[in-house]
Structure formats: C-alpha cells, structure tokens
Amino acid sequence: MIPVEVVGVRVEMPSNQPIVLLKEIDGVRFLPIWVGAVEATAIAFAQQEVIPPRPLTHDLMKELLEKLDGSLVAVHLTELRDGVFYADLVLKKSNHVEVTVSARPSDAIALALRTKSEILATEELLTEAGIEIPEEESSQANEEVERFREFLDQINPEDFAG
C-alpha cells in the first residue's frame, strides 16, 4: 500500500463535478476521485478544521468510534471497478482486534482527515487511475483549489446543519 495525502477538493470543468485530489507522498502520481458536493464540502471542512455548530455525519462517525473505544487505523483505497472507486476502513476495536469495513472513498477520506488517520492506495489503483501532472499544471490545480477554498470561506457551517 502506498501512502497518499489529500491535496484538496476542486471542481472539474465543464461538468462542475467535485473531485478530491490525492497525491503519492513519496511519488509523482495524483489520484482524482469524483465525489458528491456534500462529501466535497465535508472533506474541505475537515482540511480547514471548520467545526460546524452541529456535527456532520463524519463528525458523528468519529465521535461514535471514540465513545466505543475504537479507532480508525487507516483508509485503504483499493480499486476502480466499472468507473466506481472502492475503499475500506481499517478499524481497531477496544480489544485490539482489527476489522475492515467497506466504505465509499469520499466518506473514508472525510473520516480519515477528522481522525488524522493514514490514507493508503494500492499500487494497482495508482497504476490504473493515477496521473502524473507536470509541475506547471500542478500549480494551476493549486490555484483552482484556492478558488474553491475562497468559495467555502463564504459559506456558513449553519448552511449544512440539519
């Protein structure tokens, strides 16, 4: 498994589809994963350490794990099948037994950011879906991420309270 980090969330044009962009920590490949708008916001909030007035779903998941004396050990991004990404949560129970639970990558990433857990991708997934972005394109991607962050700065967490 290869460690990756979340570079940020951006909106892919012209489809206006949000993606979370991950990068190999010790490599040059990027992994774009298309996500829903709500999940994109949850990931961006976690990156910016925004605390909403009421817990979002991923905040609730984190608190449940803590209250049950469990922990998220890692997120494994495992495969791309028929255009759909797959992930597993590796959880440790209070008796130190590890269990694996299937999850959507967007939910897994949002939870990993909140718990400061490791995110890992399989070599097969990075080979199949990873892309190498030249340095100049990478800086353009960072500019788009910054524009999205500016957009998020204008949104109040109350807008997402249920």
N, C-alpha and C. Protein backbone atom coordinates (compact mmCIF):
# COMPACT_ATOMS: atom_id res chain seq x y z
N MET A 1 0.84 -1.18 0.00
CA MET A 1 0.00 0.00 0.00
C MET A 1 0.89 1.25 0.00
N ILE A 2 0.44 2.25 -0.71
CA ILE A 2 1.24 3.47 -0.90
C ILE A 2 0.54 4.64 -0.19
N PRO A 3 1.25 5.33 0.70
CA PRO A 3 0.64 6.48 1.39
C PRO A 3 0.35 7.62 0.41
N VAL A 4 -0.85 8.19 0.58
CA VAL A 4 -1.25 9.35 -0.21
C VAL A 4 -1.77 10.42 0.75
N GLU A 5 -1.77 11.67 0.25
CA GLU A 5 -2.30 12.77 1.06
C GLU A 5 -3.33 13.52 0.24
N VAL A 6 -4.25 14.17 0.93
CA VAL A 6 -5.27 14.96 0.25
C VAL A 6 -4.66 16.30 -0.12
N VAL A 7 -4.62 16.59 -1.41
CA VAL A 7 -4.14 17.88 -1.89
C VAL A 7 -5.25 18.91 -1.71
N GLY A 8 -6.45 18.52 -2.04
CA GLY A 8 -7.59 19.42 -1.88
C GLY A 8 -8.77 18.94 -2.68
N VAL A 9 -9.79 19.76 -2.63
CA VAL A 9 -11.02 19.49 -3.36
C VAL A 9 -11.12 20.57 -4.43
N ARG A 10 -11.52 20.16 -5.61
CA ARG A 10 -11.69 21.13 -6.69
C ARG A 10 -12.91 20.74 -7.51
N VAL A 11 -13.35 21.67 -8.32
CA VAL A 11 -14.50 21.42 -9.18
C VAL A 11 -13.97 21.25 -10.59
N GLU A 12 -14.27 20.11 -11.18
CA GLU A 12 -13.82 19.78 -12.52
C GLU A 12 -14.72 20.46 -13.54
N MET A 13 -14.10 21.18 -14.46
CA MET A 13 -14.87 21.87 -15.50
C MET A 13 -14.84 21.04 -16.77
N PRO A 14 -15.82 21.05 -17.62
CA PRO A 14 -17.02 21.88 -17.58
C PRO A 14 -18.18 21.22 -16.85
N SER A 15 -17.97 20.03 -16.29
CA SER A 15 -19.08 19.29 -15.69
C SER A 15 -19.51 19.81 -14.33
N ASN A 16 -18.70 20.68 -13.71
CA ASN A 16 -18.96 21.17 -12.35
C ASN A 16 -19.03 20.04 -11.34
N GLN A 17 -18.34 18.95 -11.60
CA GLN A 17 -18.31 17.79 -10.69
C GLN A 17 -17.15 17.94 -9.72
N PRO A 18 -17.40 17.90 -8.42
CA PRO A 18 -16.29 17.99 -7.46
C PRO A 18 -15.42 16.74 -7.49
N ILE A 19 -14.13 16.95 -7.30
CA ILE A 19 -13.21 15.84 -7.14
C ILE A 19 -12.33 16.12 -5.93
N VAL A 20 -11.91 15.03 -5.30
CA VAL A 20 -10.88 15.15 -4.28
C VAL A 20 -9.60 14.69 -4.96
N LEU A 21 -8.56 15.46 -4.78
CA LEU A 21 -7.29 15.16 -5.43
C LEU A 21 -6.30 14.69 -4.37
N LEU A 22 -5.80 13.47 -4.56
CA LEU A 22 -4.80 12.91 -3.67
C LEU A 22 -3.48 12.80 -4.40
N LYS A 23 -2.40 12.77 -3.64
CA LYS A 23 -1.07 12.65 -4.25
C LYS A 23 -0.24 11.66 -3.44
N GLU A 24 0.54 10.87 -4.17
CA GLU A 24 1.51 10.00 -3.50
C GLU A 24 2.42 10.85 -2.63
N ILE A 25 2.64 10.45 -1.40
CA ILE A 25 3.51 11.23 -0.52
C ILE A 25 4.95 11.18 -1.02
N ASP A 26 5.42 10.02 -1.43
CA ASP A 26 6.80 9.88 -1.91
C ASP A 26 6.86 9.59 -3.40
N GLY A 27 5.95 10.20 -4.16
CA GLY A 27 5.92 9.93 -5.59
C GLY A 27 5.37 11.12 -6.36
N VAL A 28 5.10 10.88 -7.63
CA VAL A 28 4.66 11.96 -8.51
C VAL A 28 3.24 11.78 -9.04
N ARG A 29 2.60 10.68 -8.67
CA ARG A 29 1.25 10.43 -9.19
C ARG A 29 0.19 11.10 -8.33
N PHE A 30 -0.85 11.57 -9.03
CA PHE A 30 -2.03 12.12 -8.39
C PHE A 30 -3.19 11.17 -8.65
N LEU A 31 -4.13 11.14 -7.72
CA LEU A 31 -5.31 10.29 -7.87
C LEU A 31 -6.55 11.15 -7.71
N PRO A 32 -7.26 11.43 -8.83
CA PRO A 32 -8.50 12.20 -8.73
C PRO A 32 -9.68 11.25 -8.51
N ILE A 33 -10.49 11.56 -7.51
CA ILE A 33 -11.67 10.76 -7.23
C ILE A 33 -12.88 11.68 -7.25
N TRP A 34 -13.83 11.38 -8.11
CA TRP A 34 -15.05 12.19 -8.21
C TRP A 34 -15.91 11.89 -7.00
N VAL A 35 -16.44 12.96 -6.41
CA VAL A 35 -17.25 12.85 -5.19
C VAL A 35 -18.48 13.74 -5.33
N GLY A 36 -19.42 13.56 -4.43
CA GLY A 36 -20.60 14.41 -4.40
C GLY A 36 -20.28 15.75 -3.75
N ALA A 37 -21.17 16.71 -3.95
CA ALA A 37 -20.96 18.06 -3.41
C ALA A 37 -20.93 18.06 -1.88
N VAL A 38 -21.79 17.29 -1.25
CA VAL A 38 -21.82 17.25 0.21
C VAL A 38 -20.52 16.65 0.75
N GLU A 39 -20.05 15.57 0.12
CA GLU A 39 -18.81 14.94 0.55
C GLU A 39 -17.62 15.86 0.31
N ALA A 40 -17.64 16.58 -0.82
CA ALA A 40 -16.56 17.53 -1.10
C ALA A 40 -16.50 18.59 -0.01
N THR A 41 -17.65 19.07 0.40
CA THR A 41 -17.70 20.07 1.47
C THR A 41 -17.20 19.48 2.78
N ALA A 42 -17.59 18.24 3.08
CA ALA A 42 -17.15 17.60 4.32
C ALA A 42 -15.63 17.43 4.34
N ILE A 43 -15.05 17.09 3.21
CA ILE A 43 -13.60 16.93 3.11
C ILE A 43 -12.92 18.29 3.26
N ALA A 44 -13.43 19.30 2.57
CA ALA A 44 -12.84 20.64 2.65
C ALA A 44 -12.95 21.20 4.07
N PHE A 45 -14.09 20.99 4.73
CA PHE A 45 -14.26 21.45 6.12
C PHE A 45 -13.21 20.79 7.02
N ALA A 46 -12.99 19.49 6.83
CA ALA A 46 -12.01 18.78 7.66
C ALA A 46 -10.61 19.33 7.41
N GLN A 47 -10.27 19.60 6.17
CA GLN A 47 -8.96 20.15 5.85
C GLN A 47 -8.75 21.52 6.49
N GLN A 48 -9.81 22.30 6.54
CA GLN A 48 -9.71 23.65 7.08
C GLN A 48 -10.02 23.69 8.58
N GLU A 49 -10.32 22.53 9.14
CA GLU A 49 -10.65 22.39 10.57
C GLU A 49 -11.84 23.27 10.96
N VAL A 50 -12.83 23.35 10.07
CA VAL A 50 -14.07 24.06 10.34
C VAL A 50 -14.92 23.17 11.25
N ILE A 51 -15.42 23.75 12.33
CA ILE A 51 -16.27 22.99 13.25
C ILE A 51 -17.70 23.54 13.13
N PRO A 52 -18.60 22.75 12.55
CA PRO A 52 -19.98 23.22 12.39
C PRO A 52 -20.69 23.24 13.75
N PRO A 53 -21.79 24.02 13.86
CA PRO A 53 -22.50 24.09 15.14
C PRO A 53 -23.10 22.76 15.57
N ARG A 54 -23.43 21.93 14.61
CA ARG A 54 -23.91 20.57 14.91
C ARG A 54 -23.05 19.61 14.10
N PRO A 55 -22.78 18.44 14.63
CA PRO A 55 -21.87 17.53 13.93
C PRO A 55 -22.41 17.06 12.58
N LEU A 56 -21.52 17.06 11.59
CA LEU A 56 -21.84 16.45 10.31
C LEU A 56 -21.71 14.94 10.46
N THR A 57 -22.13 14.20 9.48
CA THR A 57 -22.12 12.74 9.55
C THR A 57 -20.73 12.19 9.91
N HIS A 58 -19.68 12.74 9.32
CA HIS A 58 -18.34 12.23 9.57
C HIS A 58 -17.85 12.60 10.97
N ASP A 59 -18.31 13.74 11.48
CA ASP A 59 -18.00 14.10 12.87
C ASP A 59 -18.69 13.12 13.82
N LEU A 60 -19.92 12.75 13.49
CA LEU A 60 -20.66 11.78 14.28
C LEU A 60 -19.95 10.43 14.27
N MET A 61 -19.49 10.00 13.09
CA MET A 61 -18.77 8.72 12.99
C MET A 61 -17.52 8.73 13.86
N LYS A 62 -16.79 9.84 13.83
CA LYS A 62 -15.59 9.96 14.66
C LYS A 62 -15.94 9.85 16.13
N GLU A 63 -16.99 10.55 16.54
CA GLU A 63 -17.38 10.51 17.96
C GLU A 63 -17.85 9.13 18.37
N LEU A 64 -18.59 8.46 17.50
CA LEU A 64 -19.03 7.09 17.81
C LEU A 64 -17.83 6.17 18.02
N LEU A 65 -16.85 6.26 17.13
CA LEU A 65 -15.64 5.44 17.30
C LEU A 65 -14.99 5.70 18.65
N GLU A 66 -14.85 6.98 19.01
CA GLU A 66 -14.21 7.34 20.28
C GLU A 66 -15.01 6.82 21.47
N LYS A 67 -16.34 6.99 21.43
CA LYS A 67 -17.20 6.56 22.55
C LYS A 67 -17.20 5.04 22.70
N LEU A 68 -17.00 4.33 21.60
CA LEU A 68 -16.97 2.87 21.64
C LEU A 68 -15.55 2.34 21.85
N ASP A 69 -14.63 3.25 22.15
CA ASP A 69 -13.23 2.90 22.40
C ASP A 69 -12.59 2.19 21.21
N GLY A 70 -12.97 2.64 20.03
CA GLY A 70 -12.38 2.11 18.81
C GLY A 70 -11.58 3.21 18.13
N SER A 71 -10.93 2.85 17.04
CA SER A 71 -10.17 3.86 16.28
C SER A 71 -10.10 3.46 14.82
N LEU A 72 -9.90 4.48 14.01
CA LEU A 72 -9.66 4.24 12.59
C LEU A 72 -8.15 4.14 12.41
N VAL A 73 -7.68 2.98 12.01
CA VAL A 73 -6.25 2.75 11.82
C VAL A 73 -5.80 3.35 10.50
N ALA A 74 -6.57 3.09 9.45
CA ALA A 74 -6.19 3.57 8.12
C ALA A 74 -7.37 3.45 7.17
N VAL A 75 -7.27 4.19 6.08
CA VAL A 75 -8.19 4.06 4.96
C VAL A 75 -7.40 3.44 3.82
N HIS A 76 -7.96 2.41 3.22
CA HIS A 76 -7.34 1.76 2.07
C HIS A 76 -8.19 2.04 0.84
N LEU A 77 -7.63 2.75 -0.12
CA LEU A 77 -8.28 2.96 -1.41
C LEU A 77 -7.86 1.77 -2.26
N THR A 78 -8.82 0.92 -2.61
CA THR A 78 -8.47 -0.42 -3.10
C THR A 78 -8.56 -0.63 -4.61
N GLU A 79 -9.63 -0.12 -5.23
CA GLU A 79 -9.78 -0.44 -6.65
C GLU A 79 -10.75 0.50 -7.35
N LEU A 80 -10.71 0.42 -8.66
CA LEU A 80 -11.64 1.12 -9.53
C LEU A 80 -12.28 0.05 -10.39
N ARG A 81 -13.60 -0.10 -10.21
CA ARG A 81 -14.31 -1.15 -10.95
C ARG A 81 -15.53 -0.52 -11.62
N ASP A 82 -15.61 -0.64 -12.93
CA ASP A 82 -16.73 -0.07 -13.70
C ASP A 82 -16.93 1.41 -13.41
N GLY A 83 -15.81 2.14 -13.28
CA GLY A 83 -15.87 3.58 -13.06
C GLY A 83 -16.17 3.99 -11.62
N VAL A 84 -16.22 3.02 -10.71
CA VAL A 84 -16.53 3.30 -9.31
C VAL A 84 -15.32 2.96 -8.45
N PHE A 85 -14.91 3.92 -7.60
CA PHE A 85 -13.81 3.69 -6.66
C PHE A 85 -14.32 2.97 -5.43
N TYR A 86 -13.45 2.14 -4.85
CA TYR A 86 -13.79 1.37 -3.64
C TYR A 86 -12.73 1.63 -2.57
N ALA A 87 -13.21 1.58 -1.31
CA ALA A 87 -12.30 1.81 -0.19
C ALA A 87 -12.72 0.94 0.99
N ASP A 88 -11.79 0.76 1.90
CA ASP A 88 -12.04 0.05 3.15
C ASP A 88 -11.58 0.89 4.31
N LEU A 89 -12.34 0.85 5.39
CA LEU A 89 -11.92 1.42 6.66
C LEU A 89 -11.29 0.29 7.47
N VAL A 90 -10.10 0.50 7.95
CA VAL A 90 -9.46 -0.48 8.84
C VAL A 90 -9.63 0.06 10.25
N LEU A 91 -10.48 -0.61 11.02
CA LEU A 91 -10.83 -0.17 12.36
C LEU A 91 -10.20 -1.08 13.40
N LYS A 92 -9.87 -0.50 14.53
CA LYS A 92 -9.37 -1.29 15.65
C LYS A 92 -10.39 -1.18 16.77
N LYS A 93 -10.85 -2.35 17.24
CA LYS A 93 -11.80 -2.39 18.33
C LYS A 93 -11.06 -2.27 19.66
N SER A 94 -11.81 -2.09 20.74
CA SER A 94 -11.21 -1.89 22.07
C SER A 94 -10.36 -3.09 22.50
N ASN A 95 -10.65 -4.27 21.96
CA ASN A 95 -9.86 -5.46 22.31
C ASN A 95 -8.66 -5.64 21.37
N HIS A 96 -8.34 -4.59 20.62
CA HIS A 96 -7.19 -4.54 19.71
C HIS A 96 -7.33 -5.42 18.48
N VAL A 97 -8.52 -5.91 18.21
CA VAL A 97 -8.78 -6.69 17.01
C VAL A 97 -9.11 -5.72 15.88
N GLU A 98 -8.48 -5.92 14.73
CA GLU A 98 -8.75 -5.08 13.57
C GLU A 98 -9.86 -5.70 12.73
N VAL A 99 -10.74 -4.83 12.27
CA VAL A 99 -11.81 -5.25 11.36
C VAL A 99 -11.80 -4.31 10.17
N THR A 100 -12.27 -4.78 9.04
CA THR A 100 -12.32 -3.99 7.82
C THR A 100 -13.78 -3.81 7.42
N VAL A 101 -14.13 -2.57 7.08
CA VAL A 101 -15.49 -2.24 6.67
C VAL A 101 -15.42 -1.52 5.33
N SER A 102 -16.21 -1.96 4.38
CA SER A 102 -16.25 -1.31 3.07
C SER A 102 -16.90 0.07 3.21
N ALA A 103 -16.38 1.05 2.47
CA ALA A 103 -16.90 2.42 2.54
C ALA A 103 -16.70 3.12 1.20
N ARG A 104 -17.48 4.15 0.98
CA ARG A 104 -17.23 4.99 -0.18
C ARG A 104 -15.94 5.76 0.09
N PRO A 105 -15.09 5.92 -0.91
CA PRO A 105 -13.84 6.66 -0.69
C PRO A 105 -14.06 8.05 -0.12
N SER A 106 -15.09 8.75 -0.57
CA SER A 106 -15.32 10.11 -0.08
C SER A 106 -15.60 10.11 1.42
N ASP A 107 -16.42 9.18 1.90
CA ASP A 107 -16.70 9.08 3.33
C ASP A 107 -15.45 8.66 4.09
N ALA A 108 -14.71 7.71 3.53
CA ALA A 108 -13.49 7.23 4.19
C ALA A 108 -12.46 8.35 4.32
N ILE A 109 -12.30 9.14 3.28
CA ILE A 109 -11.34 10.24 3.31
C ILE A 109 -11.77 11.31 4.32
N ALA A 110 -13.06 11.65 4.31
CA ALA A 110 -13.57 12.65 5.26
C ALA A 110 -13.33 12.20 6.70
N LEU A 111 -13.54 10.92 6.97
CA LEU A 111 -13.32 10.39 8.32
C LEU A 111 -11.82 10.34 8.65
N ALA A 112 -11.01 9.95 7.69
CA ALA A 112 -9.55 9.89 7.91
C ALA A 112 -8.99 11.27 8.26
N LEU A 113 -9.46 12.30 7.58
CA LEU A 113 -8.98 13.65 7.88
C LEU A 113 -9.37 14.07 9.30
N ARG A 114 -10.56 13.69 9.72
CA ARG A 114 -11.02 14.06 11.06
C ARG A 114 -10.27 13.30 12.17
N THR A 115 -9.87 12.09 11.87
CA THR A 115 -9.19 11.27 12.88
C THR A 115 -7.67 11.29 12.70
N LYS A 116 -7.21 12.03 11.69
CA LYS A 116 -5.78 12.11 11.37
C LYS A 116 -5.19 10.71 11.13
N SER A 117 -5.96 9.91 10.40
CA SER A 117 -5.55 8.54 10.06
C SER A 117 -4.88 8.50 8.70
N GLU A 118 -4.08 7.48 8.51
CA GLU A 118 -3.34 7.30 7.26
C GLU A 118 -4.29 6.91 6.12
N ILE A 119 -4.01 7.44 4.94
CA ILE A 119 -4.74 7.07 3.73
C ILE A 119 -3.75 6.38 2.81
N LEU A 120 -4.09 5.18 2.38
CA LEU A 120 -3.21 4.36 1.55
C LEU A 120 -3.95 3.92 0.30
N ALA A 121 -3.23 3.83 -0.80
CA ALA A 121 -3.80 3.35 -2.06
C ALA A 121 -3.00 2.14 -2.54
N THR A 122 -3.69 1.23 -3.20
CA THR A 122 -2.98 0.08 -3.76
C THR A 122 -2.17 0.52 -4.98
N GLU A 123 -1.11 -0.17 -5.23
CA GLU A 123 -0.29 0.10 -6.42
C GLU A 123 -1.13 -0.07 -7.68
N GLU A 124 -1.99 -1.09 -7.68
CA GLU A 124 -2.84 -1.35 -8.84
C GLU A 124 -3.75 -0.16 -9.14
N LEU A 125 -4.33 0.45 -8.08
CA LEU A 125 -5.21 1.58 -8.27
C LEU A 125 -4.44 2.79 -8.81
N LEU A 126 -3.27 3.05 -8.23
CA LEU A 126 -2.47 4.18 -8.72
C LEU A 126 -1.99 3.96 -10.14
N THR A 127 -1.70 2.73 -10.50
CA THR A 127 -1.28 2.43 -11.87
C THR A 127 -2.44 2.63 -12.84
N GLU A 128 -3.63 2.20 -12.43
CA GLU A 128 -4.80 2.28 -13.30
C GLU A 128 -5.37 3.69 -13.39
N ALA A 129 -5.50 4.38 -12.26
CA ALA A 129 -6.23 5.65 -12.24
C ALA A 129 -5.35 6.86 -11.91
N GLY A 130 -4.12 6.62 -11.49
CA GLY A 130 -3.24 7.72 -11.14
C GLY A 130 -2.74 8.44 -12.38
N ILE A 131 -2.49 9.72 -12.22
CA ILE A 131 -1.97 10.52 -13.33
C ILE A 131 -0.76 11.32 -12.84
N GLU A 132 0.16 11.52 -13.74
CA GLU A 132 1.30 12.39 -13.44
C GLU A 132 0.97 13.77 -13.98
N ILE A 133 1.03 14.77 -13.10
CA ILE A 133 0.73 16.14 -13.50
C ILE A 133 2.04 16.91 -13.54
N PRO A 134 2.40 17.44 -14.70
CA PRO A 134 3.61 18.27 -14.77
C PRO A 134 3.52 19.43 -13.79
N GLU A 135 4.66 19.94 -13.36
CA GLU A 135 4.73 20.98 -12.33
C GLU A 135 3.86 22.19 -12.65
N GLU A 136 3.85 22.67 -13.91
CA GLU A 136 3.07 23.86 -14.24
C GLU A 136 1.58 23.59 -14.11
N GLU A 137 1.11 22.40 -14.50
CA GLU A 137 -0.30 22.05 -14.34
C GLU A 137 -0.64 21.90 -12.87
N SER A 138 0.30 21.40 -12.08
CA SER A 138 0.09 21.24 -10.65
C SER A 138 -0.17 22.58 -9.99
N SER A 139 0.56 23.62 -10.41
CA SER A 139 0.33 24.94 -9.82
C SER A 139 -1.04 25.49 -10.23
N GLN A 140 -1.50 25.18 -11.46
CA GLN A 140 -2.83 25.58 -11.87
C GLN A 140 -3.89 24.87 -11.04
N ALA A 141 -3.66 23.60 -10.73
CA ALA A 141 -4.58 22.85 -9.88
C ALA A 141 -4.64 23.48 -8.50
N ASN A 142 -3.50 23.89 -7.98
CA ASN A 142 -3.48 24.54 -6.67
C ASN A 142 -4.26 25.85 -6.70
N GLU A 143 -4.21 26.58 -7.81
CA GLU A 143 -4.98 27.82 -7.93
C GLU A 143 -6.48 27.52 -7.90
N GLU A 144 -6.89 26.44 -8.56
CA GLU A 144 -8.30 26.07 -8.55
C GLU A 144 -8.74 25.65 -7.16
N VAL A 145 -7.89 24.93 -6.45
CA VAL A 145 -8.20 24.54 -5.07
C VAL A 145 -8.35 25.80 -4.22
N GLU A 146 -7.48 26.76 -4.41
CA GLU A 146 -7.55 28.01 -3.64
C GLU A 146 -8.85 28.76 -3.94
N ARG A 147 -9.30 28.78 -5.19
CA ARG A 147 -10.57 29.43 -5.53
C ARG A 147 -11.73 28.72 -4.84
N PHE A 148 -11.67 27.38 -4.78
CA PHE A 148 -12.73 26.63 -4.12
C PHE A 148 -12.72 26.92 -2.62
N ARG A 149 -11.54 27.04 -2.03
CA ARG A 149 -11.45 27.38 -0.61
C ARG A 149 -12.03 28.76 -0.34
N GLU A 150 -11.77 29.71 -1.23
CA GLU A 150 -12.36 31.04 -1.09
C GLU A 150 -13.87 30.97 -1.13
N PHE A 151 -14.41 30.13 -2.02
CA PHE A 151 -15.85 29.91 -2.08
C PHE A 151 -16.35 29.36 -0.75
N LEU A 152 -15.64 28.39 -0.20
CA LEU A 152 -16.05 27.80 1.07
C LEU A 152 -16.00 28.80 2.21
N ASP A 153 -15.08 29.73 2.14
CA ASP A 153 -14.98 30.76 3.19
C ASP A 153 -16.24 31.62 3.24
N GLN A 154 -16.97 31.67 2.14
CA GLN A 154 -18.19 32.49 2.09
C GLN A 154 -19.41 31.73 2.57
N ILE A 155 -19.26 30.43 2.82
CA ILE A 155 -20.36 29.60 3.26
C ILE A 155 -20.29 29.48 4.78
N ASN A 156 -21.46 29.54 5.42
CA ASN A 156 -21.52 29.34 6.86
C ASN A 156 -21.78 27.88 7.17
N PRO A 157 -21.15 27.33 8.20
CA PRO A 157 -21.45 25.93 8.57
C PRO A 157 -22.93 25.69 8.85
N GLU A 158 -23.65 26.75 9.27
CA GLU A 158 -25.08 26.61 9.53
C GLU A 158 -25.87 26.24 8.27
N ASP A 159 -25.29 26.57 7.11
CA ASP A 159 -25.94 26.22 5.85
C ASP A 159 -26.10 24.72 5.69
N PHE A 160 -25.29 23.95 6.42
CA PHE A 160 -25.30 22.49 6.29
C PHE A 160 -25.91 21.81 7.50
N ALA A 161 -26.37 22.57 8.48
CA ALA A 161 -26.96 21.98 9.69
C ALA A 161 -28.31 21.39 9.33
N GLY A 162 -28.55 20.21 9.89
CA GLY A 162 -29.81 19.52 9.57
C GLY A 162 -30.74 19.78 10.64
